[in-house]
Protein backbone atom coordinates (compact mmCIF):
# COMPACT_ATOMS: atom_id res chain seq x y z
CA UNK A 1 113.06 114.61 107.43
CA UNK A 2 116.71 114.80 108.44
CA UNK A 3 118.78 114.95 105.24
CA UNK A 4 122.54 115.16 104.70
CA UNK A 5 123.71 116.51 101.34
CA UNK A 6 127.29 115.73 100.38
CA UNK A 7 128.77 118.27 97.98
CA UNK A 8 127.97 121.98 97.69
CA UNK A 9 128.56 122.31 93.95
CA UNK A 10 125.92 123.50 91.51
CA UNK A 11 123.64 120.47 91.88
CA UNK A 12 124.17 120.10 95.64
CA UNK A 13 123.51 123.80 96.26
CA UNK A 14 120.32 123.71 94.18
CA UNK A 15 119.02 120.67 96.05
CA UNK A 16 119.93 122.24 99.41
CA UNK A 17 118.18 125.47 98.44
CA UNK A 18 114.89 123.74 97.65
CA UNK A 19 114.88 121.23 100.50
CA UNK A 20 115.93 123.73 103.18
CA UNK A 21 112.97 125.97 102.27
CA UNK A 22 110.52 123.25 103.27
CA UNK A 23 109.62 123.37 106.96
CA UNK A 24 109.52 119.59 107.34
CA UNK A 25 113.21 119.18 106.40
CA UNK A 26 116.31 119.45 108.58
CA UNK A 27 119.19 119.84 106.11
CA UNK A 28 122.95 119.56 106.67
CA UNK A 29 125.41 120.06 103.80
CA UNK A 30 129.02 118.82 103.71
CA UNK A 31 131.83 120.14 101.50
CA UNK A 32 135.59 120.68 101.65
CA UNK A 33 135.22 124.30 100.45
CA UNK A 34 134.57 126.56 103.45
CA UNK A 35 133.73 129.56 101.26
CA UNK A 36 130.93 127.70 99.48
CA UNK A 37 129.51 126.59 102.82
CA UNK A 38 129.65 130.11 104.22
CA UNK A 39 127.69 131.47 101.25
CA UNK A 40 125.02 128.79 101.65
CA UNK A 41 124.71 129.34 105.39
CA UNK A 42 124.22 133.07 104.82
CA UNK A 43 121.31 132.38 102.45
CA UNK A 44 119.64 129.29 103.86
CA UNK A 45 118.45 127.80 107.13
CA UNK A 46 120.74 124.77 107.27
CA UNK A 47 123.81 123.33 109.02
CA UNK A 48 127.18 123.08 107.32
CA UNK A 49 130.12 120.75 108.00
CA UNK A 50 133.51 121.17 106.37
CA UNK A 51 135.44 118.04 105.44
CA UNK A 52 135.70 115.08 103.12
CA UNK A 53 132.26 113.63 102.41
CA UNK A 54 133.33 109.98 102.74
CA UNK A 55 135.20 110.25 106.05
CA UNK A 56 133.37 108.57 108.96
CA UNK A 57 134.19 111.39 111.39
CA UNK A 58 132.81 114.02 109.02
CA UNK A 59 129.61 112.06 108.50
CA UNK A 60 129.26 111.60 112.26
CA UNK A 61 129.65 115.38 112.74
CA UNK A 62 126.96 115.93 110.13
CA UNK A 63 124.54 113.81 112.16
CA UNK A 64 124.62 110.57 110.17
CA UNK A 65 123.62 108.55 113.27
CA UNK A 66 120.04 109.73 113.06
CA UNK A 67 119.83 110.94 109.44
CA UNK A 68 117.02 109.45 107.37
CA UNK A 69 118.69 110.13 104.04
CA UNK A 70 122.11 110.85 102.56
CA UNK A 71 122.37 112.40 99.10
CA UNK A 72 125.92 112.18 97.76
CA UNK A 73 126.41 114.77 95.00
CA UNK A 74 130.14 115.51 95.03
CA UNK A 75 132.10 115.73 91.77
CA UNK A 76 133.69 112.33 92.43
CA UNK A 77 131.77 109.11 91.73
CA UNK A 78 134.16 107.23 93.98
CA UNK A 79 133.65 109.59 96.93
CA UNK A 80 129.87 109.37 96.49
CA UNK A 81 129.90 105.57 96.47
CA UNK A 82 132.30 105.35 99.42
CA UNK A 83 130.16 107.76 101.43
CA UNK A 84 127.10 105.55 100.90
CA UNK A 85 129.10 102.50 101.96
CA UNK A 86 130.26 104.23 105.16
CA UNK A 87 126.74 105.48 105.91
CA UNK A 88 125.34 101.97 105.51
CA UNK A 89 128.06 100.15 107.45
CA UNK A 90 128.58 102.52 110.38
CA UNK A 91 125.32 104.45 110.68
CA UNK A 92 122.65 102.22 109.07
CA UNK A 93 121.28 105.18 107.12
CA UNK A 94 117.91 104.08 105.65
CA UNK A 95 118.11 105.82 102.25
CA UNK A 96 121.30 106.45 100.31
CA UNK A 97 121.37 108.29 96.99
CA UNK A 98 124.52 108.79 94.92
CA UNK A 99 125.35 110.75 91.80
CA UNK A 100 127.29 108.47 89.43
CA UNK A 101 128.45 109.91 86.12
CA UNK A 102 130.95 107.43 84.65
CA UNK A 103 129.39 105.14 82.06
CA UNK A 104 131.84 102.42 83.13
CA UNK A 105 129.96 102.11 86.44
CA UNK A 106 126.49 102.50 84.95
CA UNK A 107 127.00 99.55 82.59
CA UNK A 108 127.11 97.28 85.65
CA UNK A 109 124.48 99.12 87.69
CA UNK A 110 122.35 96.09 88.59
CA UNK A 111 125.33 94.12 89.94
CA UNK A 112 127.33 96.92 91.53
CA UNK A 113 124.65 98.85 93.38
CA UNK A 114 123.03 96.30 95.65
CA UNK A 115 123.03 96.03 99.43
CA UNK A 116 125.41 93.05 99.39
CA UNK A 117 127.82 94.93 97.08
CA UNK A 118 127.77 98.75 96.99
CA UNK A 119 124.79 99.76 99.18
CA UNK A 120 123.37 102.62 97.10
CA UNK A 121 119.57 102.68 97.05
CA UNK A 122 119.12 105.11 94.15
CA UNK A 123 121.52 106.21 91.42
CA UNK A 124 121.31 109.71 89.96
CA UNK A 125 123.00 110.27 86.58
CA UNK A 126 122.45 113.93 85.60
CA UNK A 127 123.91 113.34 82.15
CA UNK A 128 121.41 110.60 81.34
CA UNK A 129 118.52 112.57 82.81
CA UNK A 130 119.44 115.60 80.69
CA UNK A 131 119.84 113.40 77.60
CA UNK A 132 116.32 111.95 77.99
CA UNK A 133 114.96 115.46 78.60
CA UNK A 134 116.51 116.84 75.39
CA UNK A 135 115.41 113.80 73.38
CA UNK A 136 111.77 114.39 74.36
CA UNK A 137 112.04 118.05 73.29
CA UNK A 138 113.37 116.93 69.92
CA UNK A 139 110.50 114.44 69.57
CA UNK A 140 107.99 117.29 70.05
CA UNK A 141 109.27 120.34 68.12
CA UNK A 142 107.91 123.56 69.59
CA UNK A 143 107.67 122.26 73.17
CA UNK A 144 109.46 124.04 76.02
CA UNK A 145 109.16 121.08 78.39
CA UNK A 146 107.98 117.49 77.98
CA UNK A 147 107.60 115.56 81.24
CA UNK A 148 106.58 111.93 81.61
CA UNK A 149 104.34 110.21 84.14
CA UNK A 150 103.15 106.63 84.64
CA UNK A 151 105.97 105.14 82.57
CA UNK A 152 105.27 107.45 79.65
CA UNK A 153 101.53 106.80 79.36
CA UNK A 154 100.77 110.45 80.05
CA UNK A 155 102.82 113.61 79.55
CA UNK A 156 102.82 117.19 80.75
CA UNK A 157 103.88 119.56 77.99
CA UNK A 158 104.76 123.24 78.17
CA UNK A 159 104.44 125.34 75.00
CA UNK A 160 104.50 129.04 74.17
CA UNK A 161 101.25 130.05 72.47
CA UNK A 162 101.64 131.57 68.99
CA UNK A 163 99.04 133.44 66.98
CA UNK A 164 98.85 130.54 64.49
CA UNK A 165 97.34 128.37 67.23
CA UNK A 166 93.62 127.70 66.76
CA UNK A 167 92.83 128.36 70.44
CA UNK A 168 94.84 131.59 70.76
CA UNK A 169 92.45 134.49 71.35
CA UNK A 170 89.68 132.09 72.43
CA UNK A 171 88.35 130.80 75.75
CA UNK A 172 89.61 127.50 77.11
CA UNK A 173 86.05 126.17 77.09
CA UNK A 174 86.19 126.10 73.26
CA UNK A 175 88.95 123.48 73.34
CA UNK A 176 86.41 120.64 73.65
CA UNK A 177 84.60 121.94 70.56
CA UNK A 178 87.83 122.10 68.56
CA UNK A 179 89.00 118.58 69.46
CA UNK A 180 85.90 116.74 70.75
CA UNK A 181 87.50 113.29 70.71
CA UNK A 182 90.61 114.26 72.70
CA UNK A 183 90.77 114.48 76.49
CA UNK A 184 93.21 117.06 77.85
CA UNK A 185 93.50 119.56 80.66
CA UNK A 186 95.37 122.84 80.87
CA UNK A 187 97.11 122.62 84.22
CA UNK A 188 98.69 126.08 84.36
CA UNK A 189 99.27 129.25 82.38
CA UNK A 190 102.12 131.70 82.90
CA UNK A 191 101.70 135.19 81.47
CA UNK A 192 104.53 137.68 81.78
CA UNK A 193 106.16 135.41 84.37
CA UNK A 194 103.05 135.30 86.57
CA UNK A 195 100.74 132.37 87.16
CA UNK A 196 97.20 132.60 85.76
CA UNK A 197 94.73 130.10 87.25
CA UNK A 198 93.01 128.55 84.21
CA UNK A 199 89.25 128.05 84.00
CA UNK A 200 86.76 127.75 81.16
CA UNK A 201 86.57 131.52 80.63
CA UNK A 202 90.34 132.07 80.48
CA UNK A 203 91.38 133.45 77.10
CA UNK A 204 94.68 132.13 75.73
CA UNK A 205 96.90 135.02 74.66
CA UNK A 206 99.88 135.05 72.35
CA UNK A 207 103.17 134.32 74.20
CA UNK A 208 101.38 132.64 77.12
CA UNK A 209 103.37 129.72 78.50
CA UNK A 210 100.76 126.95 78.66
CA UNK A 211 101.19 123.61 80.45
CA UNK A 212 98.74 120.91 79.42
CA UNK A 213 98.46 117.23 80.25
CA UNK A 214 97.31 114.53 77.86
CA UNK A 215 97.86 110.93 76.84
CA UNK A 216 101.02 110.45 74.79
CA UNK A 217 99.10 109.78 71.56
CA UNK A 218 97.22 113.10 71.84
CA UNK A 219 100.14 115.48 72.48
CA UNK A 220 100.60 116.76 68.92
CA UNK A 221 96.87 117.34 68.43
CA UNK A 222 96.69 119.52 71.55
CA UNK A 223 99.89 121.36 70.60
CA UNK A 224 98.29 122.32 67.28
CA UNK A 225 95.64 124.26 69.24
CA UNK A 226 98.33 126.48 70.77
CA UNK A 227 100.82 126.93 67.92
CA UNK A 228 101.45 125.85 64.35
CA UNK A 229 102.91 122.37 64.32
CA UNK A 230 106.55 122.23 63.26
CA UNK A 231 108.00 119.65 60.90
CA UNK A 232 109.72 116.66 62.52
CA UNK A 233 113.39 117.14 63.38
CA UNK A 234 115.80 115.57 60.90
CA UNK A 235 119.16 117.35 61.22
CA UNK A 236 120.71 117.88 64.66
CA UNK A 237 124.01 119.62 65.43
CA UNK A 238 125.44 119.04 68.91
CA UNK A 239 128.08 121.40 70.31
CA UNK A 240 130.20 119.49 72.82
CA UNK A 241 131.33 115.87 72.84
CA UNK A 242 131.24 115.30 76.60
CA UNK A 243 129.05 112.67 78.24
CA UNK A 244 125.79 114.45 77.39
CA UNK A 245 126.80 115.06 73.78
CA UNK A 246 127.88 111.43 73.38
CA UNK A 247 124.73 110.01 75.03
CA UNK A 248 122.49 112.31 72.96
CA UNK A 249 124.16 111.35 69.69
CA UNK A 250 123.74 107.66 70.53
CA UNK A 251 120.03 108.18 71.17
CA UNK A 252 119.44 110.17 67.98
CA UNK A 253 121.76 108.79 65.31
CA UNK A 254 119.46 105.95 64.25
CA UNK A 255 116.58 108.29 63.42
CA UNK A 256 118.31 111.63 62.71
CA UNK A 257 121.25 113.07 60.83
CA UNK A 258 123.61 114.02 63.68
CA UNK A 259 126.83 116.02 63.81
CA UNK A 260 128.96 116.71 66.90
CA UNK A 261 131.42 119.59 67.10
CA UNK A 262 134.15 118.97 69.70
CA UNK A 263 137.11 121.28 70.46
CA UNK A 264 139.45 118.64 71.88
CA UNK A 265 141.06 116.60 69.10
CA UNK A 266 141.66 113.50 71.25
CA UNK A 267 138.11 113.54 72.61
CA UNK A 268 136.72 113.97 69.08
CA UNK A 269 138.66 110.92 67.92
CA UNK A 270 137.55 108.92 70.99
CA UNK A 271 133.82 109.58 70.59
CA UNK A 272 133.95 109.02 66.81
CA UNK A 273 135.00 105.44 67.57
CA UNK A 274 131.97 104.99 69.86
CA UNK A 275 129.36 106.23 67.38
CA UNK A 276 128.09 104.50 64.24
CA UNK A 277 126.42 107.14 62.07
CA UNK A 278 127.23 110.46 63.73
CA UNK A 279 129.68 112.80 61.98
CA UNK A 280 132.22 114.07 64.53
CA UNK A 281 133.95 117.37 63.68
CA UNK A 282 137.02 118.77 65.40
CA UNK A 283 136.53 122.51 65.88
CA UNK A 284 134.94 125.38 67.79
CA UNK A 285 131.14 125.56 67.73
CA UNK A 286 131.40 129.36 68.00
CA UNK A 287 133.45 129.52 64.77
CA UNK A 288 131.20 131.21 62.23
CA UNK A 289 133.13 129.85 59.24
CA UNK A 290 132.83 126.28 60.53
CA UNK A 291 129.10 126.61 61.09
CA UNK A 292 128.57 128.06 57.62
CA UNK A 293 130.71 125.33 56.08
CA UNK A 294 128.57 122.69 57.82
CA UNK A 295 125.33 124.29 56.55
CA UNK A 296 124.02 125.37 59.94
CA UNK A 297 121.09 127.05 58.17
CA UNK A 298 119.81 123.56 57.29
CA UNK A 299 119.90 122.37 60.93
CA UNK A 300 116.54 121.74 62.57
CA UNK A 301 118.10 121.77 66.06
CA UNK A 302 121.39 123.15 67.37
CA UNK A 303 122.05 121.92 70.89
CA UNK A 304 124.97 123.34 72.92
CA UNK A 305 125.93 121.01 75.79
CA UNK A 306 129.56 121.86 76.60
CA UNK A 307 130.76 122.34 80.20
CA UNK A 308 131.05 126.12 79.67
CA UNK A 309 127.67 127.84 79.79
CA UNK A 310 129.02 131.09 78.31
CA UNK A 311 130.29 129.13 75.29
CA UNK A 312 126.90 127.41 75.04
CA UNK A 313 125.08 130.74 75.02
CA UNK A 314 127.37 132.36 72.45
CA UNK A 315 127.42 129.40 70.05
CA UNK A 316 123.61 129.03 70.30
CA UNK A 317 123.06 132.72 69.57
CA UNK A 318 125.43 132.52 66.60
CA UNK A 319 123.75 129.37 65.24
CA UNK A 320 120.34 131.04 65.50
CA UNK A 321 121.58 134.13 63.66
CA UNK A 322 123.04 131.93 60.91
CA UNK A 323 119.72 130.18 60.35
CA UNK A 324 119.35 127.17 62.69
CA UNK A 325 115.61 126.60 63.15
CA UNK A 326 115.71 125.92 66.89
CA UNK A 327 118.53 126.31 69.40
CA UNK A 328 118.89 124.81 72.89
CA UNK A 329 121.56 125.67 75.42
CA UNK A 330 122.73 123.94 78.60
CA UNK A 331 122.83 126.65 81.28
CA UNK A 332 123.58 126.18 84.96
CA UNK A 333 122.80 129.59 86.42
CA UNK A 334 119.05 130.25 86.79
CA UNK A 335 119.55 133.99 86.24
CA UNK A 336 121.24 133.27 82.90
CA UNK A 337 118.47 130.90 81.86
CA UNK A 338 115.74 133.49 82.42
CA UNK A 339 117.68 136.11 80.45
CA UNK A 340 118.48 134.01 77.40
CA UNK A 341 115.00 132.52 76.97
CA UNK A 342 113.72 136.07 76.49
CA UNK A 343 116.11 136.40 73.52
CA UNK A 344 117.17 134.27 70.56
CA UNK A 345 117.66 131.01 72.49
CA UNK A 346 114.53 128.85 72.30
CA UNK A 347 115.13 126.52 75.27
CA UNK A 348 117.46 126.90 78.25
CA UNK A 349 118.21 123.50 79.79
CA UNK A 350 119.01 123.42 83.51
CA UNK A 351 120.74 120.22 84.67
CA UNK A 352 120.12 121.14 88.31
CA UNK A 353 116.36 121.47 87.87
CA UNK A 354 116.14 118.21 85.92
CA UNK A 355 118.19 116.40 88.58
CA UNK A 356 116.19 118.03 91.37
CA UNK A 357 112.95 116.51 90.14
CA UNK A 358 114.46 113.02 90.17
CA UNK A 359 115.74 113.49 93.72
CA UNK A 360 112.50 114.93 95.08
CA UNK A 361 110.61 111.75 94.25
CA UNK A 362 112.71 110.00 96.94
CA UNK A 363 112.33 112.81 99.48
CA UNK A 364 108.56 113.23 99.33
CA UNK A 365 106.41 111.51 101.94
CA UNK A 366 103.48 109.37 100.82
CA UNK A 367 103.82 107.11 97.80
CA UNK A 368 105.18 109.75 95.41
CA UNK A 369 106.73 108.04 92.38
CA UNK A 370 107.60 110.98 90.15
CA UNK A 371 108.33 114.67 90.71
CA UNK A 372 109.12 117.25 88.05
CA UNK A 373 110.39 120.70 88.93
CA UNK A 374 108.99 123.51 86.78
CA UNK A 375 109.47 127.24 86.41
CA UNK A 376 112.97 127.19 87.96
CA UNK A 377 111.65 125.26 90.94
CA UNK A 378 108.69 127.52 91.73
CA UNK A 379 106.16 124.88 90.66
CA UNK A 380 105.99 121.10 90.76
CA UNK A 381 104.19 118.34 88.93
CA UNK A 382 103.75 115.20 91.02
CA UNK A 383 102.68 111.62 90.45
CA UNK A 384 101.38 109.97 93.62
CA UNK A 385 99.70 106.62 94.14
CA UNK A 386 96.43 106.56 96.10
CA UNK A 387 96.30 103.83 98.76
CA UNK A 388 93.71 102.76 101.31
CA UNK A 389 89.95 102.97 101.36
CA UNK A 390 87.41 105.65 102.07
CA UNK A 391 87.59 106.54 105.76
CA UNK A 392 91.30 105.74 106.04
CA UNK A 393 92.44 107.73 103.01
CA UNK A 394 91.93 111.42 102.27
CA UNK A 395 91.67 110.74 98.54
CA UNK A 396 90.43 107.19 97.83
CA UNK A 397 86.66 106.99 97.23
CA UNK A 398 86.35 110.76 96.90
CA UNK A 399 85.45 112.88 93.91
CA UNK A 400 88.17 115.29 92.81
CA UNK A 401 86.15 118.26 94.05
CA UNK A 402 85.98 116.66 97.53
CA UNK A 403 89.77 116.33 97.96
CA UNK A 404 90.98 119.14 100.28
CA UNK A 405 93.75 120.46 98.03
CA UNK A 406 95.81 123.48 99.14
CA UNK A 407 95.43 126.71 97.09
CA UNK A 408 97.28 126.62 93.77
CA UNK A 409 97.09 122.81 93.52
CA UNK A 410 94.99 120.87 91.04
CA UNK A 411 94.47 117.23 90.10
CA UNK A 412 94.97 117.02 86.35
CA UNK A 413 94.70 113.33 85.52
CA UNK A 414 94.57 109.74 86.78
CA UNK A 415 96.20 106.64 85.36
CA UNK A 416 94.26 103.47 86.21
CA UNK A 417 96.07 100.44 84.88
CA UNK A 418 96.61 101.26 81.20
CA UNK A 419 93.77 103.78 81.12
CA UNK A 420 94.46 107.53 81.12
CA UNK A 421 91.63 109.54 82.74
CA UNK A 422 91.62 113.32 82.50
CA UNK A 423 90.26 114.52 85.85
CA UNK A 424 86.95 116.37 86.13
CA UNK A 425 85.27 117.67 89.29
CA UNK A 426 83.15 114.52 89.65
CA UNK A 427 85.89 111.96 88.82
CA UNK A 428 86.17 109.45 91.67
CA UNK A 429 89.67 108.39 92.75
CA UNK A 430 90.11 104.65 93.29
CA UNK A 431 92.76 102.72 95.22
CA UNK A 432 96.04 102.30 93.32
CA UNK A 433 95.24 105.13 90.91
CA UNK A 434 98.28 107.14 89.85
CA UNK A 435 97.22 110.73 90.52
CA UNK A 436 98.91 113.56 88.59
CA UNK A 437 98.90 116.88 90.44
CA UNK A 438 100.16 120.32 89.47
CA UNK A 439 101.30 122.80 92.14
CA UNK A 440 101.96 126.47 91.38
CA UNK A 441 103.17 127.00 94.96
CA UNK A 442 105.52 124.19 95.98
CA UNK A 443 105.72 125.56 99.53
CA UNK A 444 102.40 123.79 100.12
CA UNK A 445 103.98 120.40 99.36
CA UNK A 446 103.66 119.08 102.92
CA UNK A 447 99.84 119.40 102.71
CA UNK A 448 99.79 117.41 99.48
CA UNK A 449 102.04 114.74 101.00
CA UNK A 450 99.64 114.40 103.94
CA UNK A 451 96.78 113.64 101.54
CA UNK A 452 98.54 110.53 100.23
CA UNK A 453 99.51 109.09 103.58
CA UNK A 454 97.09 106.52 104.97
CA UNK A 455 96.42 105.36 108.49
CA UNK A 456 99.27 103.04 109.57
CA UNK A 457 96.74 100.39 110.60
CA UNK A 458 95.83 100.00 106.91
CA UNK A 459 99.09 98.14 106.30
């Protein structure tokens, strides 16, 4: 696929890095900063074009005439929207994706972003994606990742195994004996940073990072097999009153006791007027006296979501030392994220990886409706819809064990209507099933995409 990425910032560079590594993609990236482009070209197999992302001449130089997709990820909402308009009007680009951050635009999304108005096919709002991601982590204390499929009917959850877990030190095959009325599947295990292919004889060890898939109602039961269940979250302290902090407080304030700490006095006053029950404090989240005064030791979750990742790391480490039960930190650099998760910070949140998963669902061939990036992009969880009939489809009418999956790929579950089916070797895939797959090696993605493409004569 020929893809043009507009903007070589943190999100644009991350997307370019992952898409350019796939052989089926021809990637061009546009930015006004020549130094950024030079660094990317030295590391990746892609084309670069310097210039303003919304200028027709720049888009023409980037190959917009025959591009299949434009992904506008600059820091300016207006540039992103204008670029999609130019691509539609002058070059008839089939798929146009834009990052839009301002809530003022998102409130009118259905009216603004239509072909007869602003021709943007898909809107990406990293702040809202990150907010939903953090909210799910708060709903399931102890989880490292909580990812949704099939409109929330089924979830993939990553947890770190603790010795209090009933299954720790035991074989996976004993899971069915422990919880006989619950259907679940362990999709992957990471031990010391390396992937362990799970089977019935695999013994769960303390500190293993375990990804399992189950129906939403069964998540907490399965978690109890891997670690002691934590009490529900009541008190949340948010460091940073930017868009993410504001959105998160709005989502949580009806069910939780929420405080926001914001350094900018004017911003603190502004967001206090937009929230009903949240306490907004003007101050520095890395101020030990302020945290002690606000009883940080009683906080169930401290979540640092400022624009400065160093400040997020420092304030989270301080909050943990002062007694916060769980701390989360928004971190952009992957190298930082890997370092801090080995220390006092419980969860490192990467906006780029969360955004990447949302974008990949539009890039993948076949009817792929949801993609989640895991393990800093090394692995992927995919939701694809099976179409066709046996003979014209590589999956429909076949048992799971008959599907020619590439190494490192497994089918974990199916969603058929409202029914969640945990996949076994003899489970037969039917047309229109939503198939949930886990890939430990995302470089094999093109082979998975081929499985879910049917003969064109079917349509």
